[in-house]
Each structure stands twice: as C-alpha cells, then as structure tokens.
Amino acid sequence: MSRIAARVLAPILLSPRLLSAQPAPSIPHRPVHTYSIVARDAKTGELGVAVQSHWFSVGTSVAWAEAGIGAVATQSFIDPSYGPLGLALMRAGRSAPDALKGLLAADEGRDVRQVAMIDATGRVAAHTGARCIPAAGDHVGEGYSVQANLMEKDTVWPAMAKAYEASRGDLAERLLAALEGAESQGGDIRGRQSAAILVVKGVSSGRPWQDRLFDLRVEDHPSPVVELRRLVTLQRAYNLMNEGDLAVEKKDDAGALKAYSSAEALVPDNAEMAYWHAVALVNMGRVDEALPVFAKAFRLHPKWRDLTPRLPKAGLLPDDPKLIARIVAVKE
C-alpha cells in the first residue's frame, strides 16, 4: 500500500482489500506527461479526460474516469496512484477538491505533481506544483479544468480553455477541441507522440465495460491528436452500428437502418459497416436494397464475398443457397 493511500484512505474506512490493491508509487526521473483536460458534460453527466504528450502511451497513466464518480488527470513527475486513489475517495463521498487536497497533503512529492480532478456533480480542482517545469499552469472553469507543463509557451492552457468553452457537440468533441487548442499554441516544447481520450457515462450501470463511451489511445504517432480525432469518428460509427444491432433485436427496422446508414456516412470507405448493413437488409427481406451495399463491401475488400456463404450456419443469413449465390455473384 502506498504512503498516500495509507494516510488518506484509511480514515474513511475503505475496505482492506481495496487498500492493499494500491501499488506503491514510483517517481520517474523525468516528466512524462504534458497537457490534459478533465471535464463533465452538464447535460448528460458524462465525465471525461483527454491528454497529449511527447511520451509513449500517455493514456495508460494519465487518464482515469469512472461512471457516476469522477475523472482524474495526473501528470508532470507522475504518480499514477492519484488516479485510482482519487476515484476511490470520490466514490466514498468526497468532493473532487477534498479528494485532491487529501492526496496532496499525504504526498511528499506534491511540488512536482500536476493533477486535476472532477466529480460527478461537476466540482473540480487542479494543482500545479511549484517545481513543475515551465511553462506550466492550469485553469479551472465551470465543469472542467485544463492543465499543462513543459509547454512551449504559457498560452497553451488558456487556449485549451477557450477552445473547450467555444466548442459545440458532445463531451468527446469538446475534449478534442481543447487538445487542438493546445496544439494551436505549439503544445509540448518537445513535440508530440501520443494521445488518449476516456469518456464515461454520467450514471454507472454497474458494468464498467458498458459505461465507457470512448476509451481510445494513440500510443506512438507523428500527429497523435489528428489520429485521435480519426479514431473518435470511427468509434462513433461503431457505436451507431451497435445501436443498429440493438434496434434489430427489438424488431425496430427503421431505427436499425437509420443507425447503420449514419455509421456508413461517418466512415464511407469502411467495408465492415457496409457489409453488416447489407446483411441486416437481407434479414429484413429487402434483398434488392442489400445487393448494391454488398457490392460496395466486396469492392472495398473482396474477402467479404468469401465470408458470405459461411453466415447461414451461424444464423446470420437465411439458409437459402439461391439467395447466397445471388449475393456472392453481385458485381462490384
């Protein structure tokens, strides 16, 4: 158990099992993380974190969030335990400012830390240690905090705040806008390498894997924020495909087709989207509409044609040899 956990969590009577699960923090000899944002969407209650750094796989250590609880970004000379410990304190009823205050009080390395936390009600707090490498600072706004260290200049985090406040759309879109705002001011003085975004639902379902709306990482890329935006768009498309599948289960054909079409519109060159849209059309009895969609999928990746005869065995297409032959024979 870490020293911070022992000092802060024990008084609020968290279970011994939880306490023993906290790893002892290791203090890196160099700063590994740079700019980030934590935020809560006031309309949906969604909570999120986004980060970019000139460091490999930044998202695995900086970004922490739990549906219905809060979000944490921990960076600079990082102590990753701020993530799970901060969430544990907020889960136990502490506000984000109180949780951060308690963790900092127990941390002898507080002067080199940079941490931000937000709880499920939107209370937010940030800390930039006095010994964080300049340019370093933070800005706490309504329902969000932006923070940065080792920046090219001290206009980075104000630009992040401005971009976040000016952006429209869901929380993921606004978090991306904040990262792009940082890049517009030069971002990390060392350059760029990795980025991540984590967005969770406002209310916990009790199934954490279902509560993560976006959980994406760019581990190593020359333009990680650009690549992260591409992945968010792709995730949106797959989220729509999942909505379509659920609509099919509920016999809502119109809802399913709307979701599938919207997914295809987001990523028009994705064979997977087109193929399963076409399969759904066949299962709705709309074969003539399905054939050109199959043709598109086969043009994008011919192996989808080879897959088609295997689907009836799994119940994914009707067991009708003439129908399957008609699909397979469709011209690209």
Protein backbone atom coordinates (compact mmCIF):
# COMPACT_ATOMS: atom_id res chain seq x y z
CA MET A 1 0.00 0.00 0.00
CA SER A 2 1.35 3.44 -0.90
CA ARG A 3 2.07 6.04 1.71
CA ILE A 4 -0.60 8.30 0.19
CA ALA A 5 -3.21 5.54 0.37
CA ALA A 6 -2.39 4.79 3.99
CA ARG A 7 -2.70 8.39 5.07
CA VAL A 8 -5.78 9.33 3.09
CA LEU A 9 -7.93 6.27 2.51
CA ALA A 10 -7.65 4.55 5.87
CA PRO A 11 -9.53 7.26 7.78
CA ILE A 12 -12.61 6.87 5.58
CA LEU A 13 -12.72 3.13 6.29
CA LEU A 14 -12.34 1.76 2.79
CA SER A 15 -12.01 -2.00 2.69
CA PRO A 16 -8.61 -3.61 3.38
CA ARG A 17 -8.87 -5.34 0.03
CA LEU A 18 -9.09 -2.02 -1.77
CA LEU A 19 -6.23 -0.54 0.21
CA SER A 20 -3.95 -3.50 -0.40
CA ALA A 21 -4.60 -3.20 -4.14
CA GLN A 22 -2.95 0.22 -4.34
CA PRO A 23 0.58 -0.02 -5.75
CA ALA A 24 3.43 1.92 -4.24
CA PRO A 25 4.08 4.93 -6.49
CA SER A 26 7.28 5.18 -8.42
CA ILE A 27 8.62 8.65 -9.11
CA PRO A 28 10.08 9.00 -12.61
CA HIS A 29 13.33 10.91 -13.05
CA ARG A 30 11.79 12.98 -15.84
CA PRO A 31 8.36 14.46 -16.59
CA VAL A 32 6.39 12.09 -18.76
CA HIS A 33 3.14 13.93 -19.40
CA THR A 34 2.18 17.31 -20.67
CA TYR A 35 -1.27 18.79 -21.31
CA SER A 36 -4.70 17.43 -20.46
CA ILE A 37 -8.31 18.27 -19.66
CA VAL A 38 -10.86 16.79 -17.26
CA ALA A 39 -14.50 17.74 -17.74
CA ARG A 40 -18.15 16.95 -17.08
CA ASP A 41 -20.98 17.49 -19.53
CA ALA A 42 -23.70 19.33 -17.63
CA LYS A 43 -26.49 17.98 -19.85
CA THR A 44 -25.61 14.28 -19.86
CA GLY A 45 -23.43 13.97 -16.77
CA GLU A 46 -20.72 12.31 -18.88
CA LEU A 47 -17.21 12.55 -17.44
CA GLY A 48 -14.03 12.60 -19.47
CA VAL A 49 -10.29 13.07 -19.74
CA ALA A 50 -8.13 13.81 -22.76
CA VAL A 51 -4.35 14.16 -22.94
CA GLN A 52 -1.43 14.56 -25.34
CA SER A 53 2.28 14.22 -24.69
CA HIS A 54 5.70 13.66 -26.16
CA TRP A 55 5.86 10.36 -24.31
CA PHE A 56 4.97 6.83 -25.34
CA SER A 57 1.49 5.56 -24.40
CA VAL A 58 0.49 8.56 -22.32
CA GLY A 59 -3.10 7.41 -21.81
CA THR A 60 -2.22 4.36 -19.74
CA SER A 61 -1.07 6.52 -16.80
CA VAL A 62 -2.69 9.96 -17.04
CA ALA A 63 -6.38 9.34 -17.74
CA TRP A 64 -8.76 7.89 -15.14
CA ALA A 65 -12.56 8.03 -15.03
CA GLU A 66 -15.47 6.10 -13.57
CA ALA A 67 -19.12 6.50 -14.49
CA GLY A 68 -21.09 8.29 -11.82
CA ILE A 69 -17.95 9.01 -9.79
CA GLY A 70 -15.44 11.34 -11.42
CA ALA A 71 -12.39 11.81 -13.60
CA VAL A 72 -8.71 12.39 -12.87
CA ALA A 73 -5.68 13.50 -14.85
CA THR A 74 -2.30 13.00 -13.18
CA GLN A 75 0.88 14.23 -14.88
CA SER A 76 4.23 16.04 -14.69
CA PHE A 77 6.53 13.91 -12.46
CA ILE A 78 3.67 11.49 -12.37
CA ASP A 79 2.31 9.44 -9.52
CA PRO A 80 -0.28 7.21 -11.23
CA SER A 81 -1.86 6.31 -7.88
CA TYR A 82 -3.61 9.67 -7.88
CA GLY A 83 -5.96 8.14 -10.43
CA PRO A 84 -7.34 5.12 -8.53
CA LEU A 85 -6.99 6.82 -5.14
CA GLY A 86 -8.80 9.94 -6.30
CA LEU A 87 -11.65 7.86 -7.70
CA ALA A 88 -11.80 5.80 -4.51
CA LEU A 89 -12.14 8.94 -2.40
CA MET A 90 -14.85 10.37 -4.63
CA ARG A 91 -16.63 7.00 -4.62
CA ALA A 92 -16.59 7.22 -0.82
CA GLY A 93 -18.34 10.60 -0.95
CA ARG A 94 -15.51 13.11 -1.02
CA SER A 95 -15.78 16.05 -3.42
CA ALA A 96 -13.07 16.39 -6.06
CA PRO A 97 -11.47 19.38 -4.25
CA ASP A 98 -11.44 17.49 -0.95
CA ALA A 99 -10.04 14.35 -2.57
CA LEU A 100 -7.24 16.25 -4.26
CA LYS A 101 -6.45 18.20 -1.10
CA GLY A 102 -6.15 15.00 0.91
CA LEU A 103 -3.90 13.28 -1.60
CA LEU A 104 -1.61 16.28 -1.90
CA ALA A 105 -1.30 16.57 1.87
CA ALA A 106 -0.07 12.99 2.02
CA ASP A 107 2.37 13.33 -0.89
CA GLU A 108 5.93 14.48 -0.22
CA GLY A 109 6.37 14.92 -3.98
CA ARG A 110 3.47 17.36 -4.34
CA ASP A 111 5.71 20.15 -5.65
CA VAL A 112 6.47 18.24 -8.85
CA ARG A 113 2.95 16.94 -9.43
CA GLN A 114 0.26 18.27 -11.70
CA VAL A 115 -3.20 16.83 -11.06
CA ALA A 116 -6.81 17.71 -11.85
CA MET A 117 -10.00 16.05 -10.62
CA ILE A 118 -13.70 16.48 -11.26
CA ASP A 119 -16.55 14.68 -9.52
CA ALA A 120 -19.98 13.57 -10.71
CA THR A 121 -21.61 16.84 -9.64
CA GLY A 122 -19.11 18.98 -11.53
CA ARG A 123 -16.98 20.12 -8.61
CA VAL A 124 -13.45 20.47 -9.91
CA ALA A 125 -9.96 21.20 -8.61
CA ALA A 126 -6.43 21.37 -10.00
CA HIS A 127 -2.90 21.54 -8.66
CA THR A 128 0.29 22.61 -10.41
CA GLY A 129 3.32 22.04 -8.19
CA ALA A 130 5.80 24.86 -7.71
CA ARG A 131 8.59 22.77 -9.24
CA CYS A 132 6.76 21.68 -12.41
CA ILE A 133 8.87 22.55 -15.45
CA PRO A 134 7.77 25.79 -17.14
CA ALA A 135 5.77 26.70 -18.98
CA ALA A 136 3.31 25.12 -16.53
CA GLY A 137 -0.09 26.09 -15.22
CA ASP A 138 -3.78 25.28 -15.04
CA HIS A 139 -7.16 26.91 -15.46
CA VAL A 140 -10.30 25.78 -13.66
CA GLY A 141 -13.56 26.68 -15.36
CA GLU A 142 -17.18 25.70 -14.88
CA GLY A 143 -17.24 21.91 -15.03
CA TYR A 144 -13.70 21.48 -16.36
CA SER A 145 -10.01 22.01 -15.75
CA VAL A 146 -7.14 22.30 -18.24
CA GLN A 147 -3.52 21.87 -17.19
CA ALA A 148 -0.14 21.72 -18.85
CA ASN A 149 3.53 21.50 -18.06
CA LEU A 150 6.72 21.57 -20.15
CA MET A 151 4.91 23.69 -22.75
CA GLU A 152 6.43 25.79 -25.48
CA LYS A 153 4.71 28.87 -24.02
CA ASP A 154 2.26 29.87 -21.33
CA THR A 155 -0.60 30.48 -23.75
CA VAL A 156 -1.29 26.75 -24.12
CA TRP A 157 -3.74 26.13 -21.27
CA PRO A 158 -5.64 29.42 -21.80
CA ALA A 159 -6.08 28.37 -25.44
CA MET A 160 -7.36 24.98 -24.29
CA ALA A 161 -9.94 26.63 -22.03
CA LYS A 162 -11.08 28.97 -24.78
CA ALA A 163 -11.41 26.13 -27.31
CA TYR A 164 -13.33 23.95 -24.88
CA GLU A 165 -15.78 26.70 -23.95
CA ALA A 166 -16.33 27.70 -27.59
CA SER A 167 -16.84 24.19 -28.94
CA ARG A 168 -20.17 22.52 -29.57
CA GLY A 169 -21.17 18.87 -29.64
CA ASP A 170 -20.82 16.06 -27.14
CA LEU A 171 -18.14 15.81 -24.49
CA ALA A 172 -15.73 13.86 -26.69
CA GLU A 173 -15.88 16.58 -29.33
CA ARG A 174 -15.23 19.31 -26.79
CA LEU A 175 -12.29 17.43 -25.26
CA LEU A 176 -10.76 17.07 -28.72
CA ALA A 177 -11.25 20.78 -29.32
CA ALA A 178 -9.26 21.51 -26.15
CA LEU A 179 -6.35 19.35 -27.34
CA GLU A 180 -6.43 21.07 -30.71
CA GLY A 181 -6.39 24.42 -28.91
CA ALA A 182 -3.17 23.40 -27.18
CA GLU A 183 -1.59 22.40 -30.49
CA SER A 184 -2.52 25.78 -31.97
CA GLN A 185 -0.17 27.36 -29.42
CA GLY A 186 2.71 24.96 -30.00
CA GLY A 187 1.81 22.39 -27.36
CA ASP A 188 4.62 20.40 -25.75
CA ILE A 189 8.02 22.01 -26.21
CA ARG A 190 9.43 18.53 -27.00
CA GLY A 191 6.96 17.87 -29.80
CA ARG A 192 4.22 15.25 -29.87
CA GLN A 193 3.97 11.46 -29.66
CA SER A 194 0.86 10.00 -28.01
CA ALA A 195 -2.66 10.98 -27.02
CA ALA A 196 -5.72 9.49 -25.36
CA ILE A 197 -9.36 10.14 -24.58
CA LEU A 198 -11.61 8.48 -22.00
CA VAL A 199 -15.31 9.34 -21.69
CA VAL A 200 -17.72 7.51 -19.39
CA LYS A 201 -21.45 7.74 -18.76
CA GLY A 202 -22.90 10.02 -16.14
CA VAL A 203 -24.57 7.18 -14.26
CA SER A 204 -22.98 3.82 -13.57
CA SER A 205 -24.67 0.72 -14.92
CA GLY A 206 -22.63 -1.50 -12.61
CA ARG A 207 -20.86 -2.82 -15.71
CA PRO A 208 -17.78 -0.64 -16.30
CA TRP A 209 -17.16 -2.05 -19.77
CA GLN A 210 -20.58 -0.77 -20.84
CA ASP A 211 -20.06 2.64 -19.28
CA ARG A 212 -17.02 3.60 -21.40
CA LEU A 213 -18.32 5.59 -24.37
CA PHE A 214 -14.83 6.37 -25.66
CA ASP A 215 -11.64 4.69 -24.48
CA LEU A 216 -9.06 5.35 -27.17
CA ARG A 217 -5.29 5.69 -27.20
CA VAL A 218 -2.75 6.67 -29.82
CA GLU A 219 0.45 5.18 -28.47
CA ASP A 220 3.03 6.49 -30.95
CA HIS A 221 2.24 8.75 -33.90
CA PRO A 222 3.71 11.88 -35.56
CA SER A 223 0.34 13.67 -35.24
CA PRO A 224 -1.41 11.98 -32.31
CA VAL A 225 -4.23 14.49 -31.87
CA VAL A 226 -5.14 14.24 -35.56
CA GLU A 227 -5.10 10.45 -35.30
CA LEU A 228 -7.13 10.55 -32.10
CA ARG A 229 -9.84 12.55 -33.86
CA ARG A 230 -9.93 9.92 -36.62
CA LEU A 231 -10.36 7.17 -34.04
CA VAL A 232 -13.13 9.07 -32.25
CA THR A 233 -15.01 9.31 -35.56
CA LEU A 234 -14.52 5.59 -36.10
CA GLN A 235 -15.74 4.86 -32.57
CA ARG A 236 -18.84 6.95 -33.21
CA ALA A 237 -19.55 4.80 -36.28
CA TYR A 238 -19.18 1.56 -34.35
CA ASN A 239 -21.37 2.96 -31.57
CA LEU A 240 -24.04 3.57 -34.22
CA MET A 241 -23.60 0.03 -35.53
CA ASN A 242 -24.21 -1.25 -32.00
CA GLU A 243 -27.34 0.90 -31.79
CA GLY A 244 -28.48 -0.63 -35.06
CA ASP A 245 -27.93 -4.14 -33.74
CA LEU A 246 -29.98 -3.38 -30.63
CA ALA A 247 -32.75 -1.96 -32.81
CA VAL A 248 -32.77 -5.18 -34.86
CA GLU A 249 -33.19 -7.19 -31.67
CA LYS A 250 -36.19 -5.03 -30.81
CA LYS A 251 -37.67 -5.51 -34.32
CA ASP A 252 -37.23 -1.79 -34.97
CA ASP A 253 -36.22 -2.00 -38.63
CA ALA A 254 -36.48 1.73 -39.27
CA GLY A 255 -34.30 2.56 -36.27
CA ALA A 256 -31.75 -0.06 -37.26
CA LEU A 257 -31.42 1.15 -40.83
CA LYS A 258 -31.13 4.76 -39.69
CA ALA A 259 -28.28 3.83 -37.34
CA TYR A 260 -26.49 1.70 -39.96
CA SER A 261 -26.78 4.41 -42.60
CA SER A 262 -25.46 7.03 -40.17
CA ALA A 263 -22.49 4.80 -39.37
CA GLU A 264 -21.68 4.37 -43.06
CA ALA A 265 -21.91 8.11 -43.60
CA LEU A 266 -19.24 8.69 -40.94
CA VAL A 267 -16.79 6.20 -42.47
CA PRO A 268 -17.87 5.68 -46.09
CA ASP A 269 -14.81 3.61 -47.01
CA ASN A 270 -15.27 1.04 -44.27
CA ALA A 271 -16.23 -2.37 -45.68
CA GLU A 272 -17.36 -3.68 -42.29
CA MET A 273 -20.06 -1.03 -41.96
CA ALA A 274 -21.39 -1.65 -45.45
CA TYR A 275 -21.35 -5.44 -45.15
CA TRP A 276 -23.35 -5.75 -41.94
CA HIS A 277 -25.76 -3.10 -43.13
CA ALA A 278 -26.37 -5.26 -46.19
CA VAL A 279 -26.83 -8.38 -44.05
CA ALA A 280 -29.44 -6.55 -41.98
CA LEU A 281 -31.30 -5.53 -45.12
CA VAL A 282 -31.45 -9.15 -46.32
CA ASN A 283 -32.78 -10.30 -42.97
CA MET A 284 -35.49 -7.66 -43.25
CA GLY A 285 -36.49 -9.10 -46.62
CA ARG A 286 -35.09 -6.13 -48.54
CA VAL A 287 -32.74 -8.06 -50.80
CA ASP A 288 -32.82 -5.68 -53.76
CA GLU A 289 -31.69 -2.83 -51.49
CA ALA A 290 -28.98 -5.02 -49.98
CA LEU A 291 -27.26 -6.05 -53.22
CA PRO A 292 -25.61 -2.71 -54.06
CA VAL A 293 -24.47 -2.40 -50.45
CA PHE A 294 -22.90 -5.86 -50.68
CA ALA A 295 -21.26 -4.77 -53.93
CA LYS A 296 -19.70 -1.80 -52.15
CA ALA A 297 -18.34 -4.01 -49.37
CA PHE A 298 -16.90 -6.51 -51.86
CA ARG A 299 -15.24 -3.68 -53.80
CA LEU A 300 -13.61 -2.35 -50.63
CA HIS A 301 -12.41 -5.79 -49.54
CA PRO A 302 -13.09 -8.88 -51.71
CA LYS A 303 -12.75 -11.37 -48.85
CA TRP A 304 -16.18 -10.31 -47.56
CA ARG A 305 -17.57 -12.13 -50.60
CA ASP A 306 -15.84 -15.33 -49.43
CA LEU A 307 -17.28 -14.91 -45.95
CA THR A 308 -20.90 -14.74 -47.10
CA PRO A 309 -21.58 -18.50 -47.65
CA ARG A 310 -20.44 -19.17 -44.07
CA LEU A 311 -23.08 -16.99 -42.43
CA PRO A 312 -26.16 -19.23 -42.74
CA LYS A 313 -24.59 -21.83 -40.47
CA ALA A 314 -24.38 -19.18 -37.74
CA GLY A 315 -27.92 -17.99 -38.40
CA LEU A 316 -26.75 -14.63 -39.69
CA LEU A 317 -28.25 -15.09 -43.17
CA PRO A 318 -31.14 -17.28 -44.39
CA ASP A 319 -30.17 -20.85 -45.26
CA ASP A 320 -31.14 -20.33 -48.90
CA PRO A 321 -28.48 -21.44 -51.41
CA LYS A 322 -30.08 -19.49 -54.26
CA LEU A 323 -30.10 -16.31 -52.21
CA ILE A 324 -26.49 -16.77 -51.12
CA ALA A 325 -25.44 -17.43 -54.72
CA ARG A 326 -27.20 -14.25 -55.80
CA ILE A 327 -25.36 -12.23 -53.18
CA VAL A 328 -21.97 -13.74 -53.97
CA ALA A 329 -22.48 -13.13 -57.70
CA VAL A 330 -23.22 -9.44 -57.30
CA LYS A 331 -20.95 -7.30 -59.43
CA GLU A 332 -18.65 -4.78 -57.84
